Amino acid sequence: MAERAAGGEVFDPEIAVWILSGLADPARAVHEGDENPSCWVA
């Protein structure tokens, strides 16, 4: 990703928020007690 940034590629802020929200939602659910955390490794 650093290479792409060095090449001038820029993230659309709305897409970055969408991606980060998708990562934060499961953590938030675990914190609120709605779900159990799990991790899958392939």
N, C-alpha and C. Protein backbone atom coordinates (compact mmCIF):
# COMPACT_ATOMS: atom_id res chain seq x y z
N MET A 1 0.82 -1.18 0.00
CA MET A 1 0.00 0.00 0.00
C MET A 1 0.87 1.25 0.00
N ALA A 2 1.99 1.21 0.70
CA ALA A 2 2.88 2.37 0.73
C ALA A 2 3.39 2.69 -0.67
N GLU A 3 3.65 1.65 -1.46
CA GLU A 3 4.11 1.87 -2.83
C GLU A 3 3.04 2.57 -3.66
N ARG A 4 1.79 2.18 -3.47
CA ARG A 4 0.71 2.81 -4.21
C ARG A 4 0.55 4.27 -3.78
N ALA A 5 0.70 4.54 -2.48
CA ALA A 5 0.61 5.91 -2.00
C ALA A 5 1.77 6.73 -2.56
N ALA A 6 2.97 6.14 -2.59
CA ALA A 6 4.13 6.84 -3.12
C ALA A 6 3.95 7.15 -4.60
N GLY A 7 3.17 6.31 -5.29
CA GLY A 7 2.90 6.51 -6.69
C GLY A 7 1.81 7.54 -6.96
N GLY A 8 1.25 8.11 -5.87
CA GLY A 8 0.25 9.16 -6.03
C GLY A 8 -1.18 8.69 -5.93
N GLU A 9 -1.42 7.38 -5.70
CA GLU A 9 -2.79 6.90 -5.59
C GLU A 9 -3.40 7.41 -4.28
N VAL A 10 -4.63 7.85 -4.35
CA VAL A 10 -5.30 8.44 -3.19
C VAL A 10 -6.60 7.69 -2.93
N PHE A 11 -6.89 7.44 -1.65
CA PHE A 11 -8.16 6.84 -1.26
C PHE A 11 -9.24 7.90 -1.25
N ASP A 12 -10.41 7.54 -1.71
CA ASP A 12 -11.58 8.40 -1.55
C ASP A 12 -11.94 8.35 -0.07
N PRO A 13 -12.06 9.50 0.61
CA PRO A 13 -12.36 9.50 2.05
C PRO A 13 -13.64 8.74 2.41
N GLU A 14 -14.65 8.79 1.56
CA GLU A 14 -15.90 8.07 1.85
C GLU A 14 -15.67 6.56 1.82
N ILE A 15 -14.84 6.09 0.90
CA ILE A 15 -14.55 4.66 0.85
C ILE A 15 -13.71 4.25 2.05
N ALA A 16 -12.76 5.09 2.44
CA ALA A 16 -11.94 4.78 3.62
C ALA A 16 -12.81 4.68 4.87
N VAL A 17 -13.77 5.57 5.03
CA VAL A 17 -14.69 5.52 6.18
C VAL A 17 -15.51 4.24 6.13
N TRP A 18 -15.98 3.87 4.95
CA TRP A 18 -16.77 2.65 4.79
C TRP A 18 -15.96 1.41 5.19
N ILE A 19 -14.70 1.36 4.74
CA ILE A 19 -13.83 0.22 5.07
C ILE A 19 -13.56 0.17 6.57
N LEU A 20 -13.19 1.29 7.14
CA LEU A 20 -12.86 1.31 8.58
C LEU A 20 -14.07 1.04 9.44
N SER A 21 -15.24 1.50 9.02
CA SER A 21 -16.47 1.22 9.77
C SER A 21 -16.75 -0.28 9.75
N GLY A 22 -16.51 -0.91 8.61
CA GLY A 22 -16.71 -2.35 8.51
C GLY A 22 -15.80 -3.13 9.44
N LEU A 23 -14.62 -2.60 9.67
CA LEU A 23 -13.70 -3.25 10.61
C LEU A 23 -14.08 -2.97 12.06
N ALA A 24 -14.62 -1.80 12.33
CA ALA A 24 -14.94 -1.40 13.70
C ALA A 24 -16.25 -2.02 14.19
N ASP A 25 -17.21 -2.26 13.30
CA ASP A 25 -18.51 -2.77 13.72
C ASP A 25 -18.44 -4.08 14.51
N PRO A 26 -17.68 -5.09 14.05
CA PRO A 26 -17.59 -6.33 14.85
C PRO A 26 -16.96 -6.09 16.23
N ALA A 27 -15.96 -5.24 16.29
CA ALA A 27 -15.32 -4.95 17.58
C ALA A 27 -16.30 -4.25 18.51
N ARG A 28 -17.10 -3.36 17.97
CA ARG A 28 -18.10 -2.65 18.76
C ARG A 28 -19.14 -3.63 19.29
N ALA A 29 -19.58 -4.58 18.46
CA ALA A 29 -20.57 -5.57 18.88
C ALA A 29 -20.03 -6.43 20.01
N VAL A 30 -18.75 -6.81 19.93
CA VAL A 30 -18.14 -7.61 21.00
C VAL A 30 -18.09 -6.79 22.28
N HIS A 31 -17.71 -5.53 22.17
CA HIS A 31 -17.63 -4.66 23.35
C HIS A 31 -18.99 -4.49 24.00
N GLU A 32 -20.05 -4.43 23.21
CA GLU A 32 -21.40 -4.26 23.75
C GLU A 32 -22.00 -5.58 24.22
N GLY A 33 -21.29 -6.69 24.03
CA GLY A 33 -21.74 -7.97 24.53
C GLY A 33 -22.68 -8.72 23.61
N ASP A 34 -22.84 -8.26 22.38
CA ASP A 34 -23.77 -8.90 21.46
C ASP A 34 -23.20 -10.15 20.81
N GLU A 35 -21.88 -10.24 20.70
CA GLU A 35 -21.26 -11.35 20.00
C GLU A 35 -19.98 -11.78 20.70
N ASN A 36 -19.50 -12.97 20.35
CA ASN A 36 -18.22 -13.45 20.84
C ASN A 36 -17.18 -13.22 19.75
N PRO A 37 -15.98 -12.80 20.13
CA PRO A 37 -14.95 -12.58 19.11
C PRO A 37 -14.44 -13.90 18.56
N SER A 38 -14.05 -13.90 17.31
CA SER A 38 -13.45 -15.07 16.70
C SER A 38 -12.43 -14.60 15.66
N CYS A 39 -11.51 -15.50 15.34
CA CYS A 39 -10.47 -15.16 14.37
C CYS A 39 -10.27 -16.36 13.47
N TRP A 40 -10.31 -16.13 12.17
CA TRP A 40 -10.07 -17.19 11.19
C TRP A 40 -8.77 -16.87 10.45
N VAL A 41 -7.95 -17.88 10.31
CA VAL A 41 -6.70 -17.71 9.59
C VAL A 41 -6.66 -18.73 8.47
N ALA A 42 -6.37 -18.26 7.28
CA ALA A 42 -6.30 -19.19 6.14
C ALA A 42 -4.87 -19.36 5.68
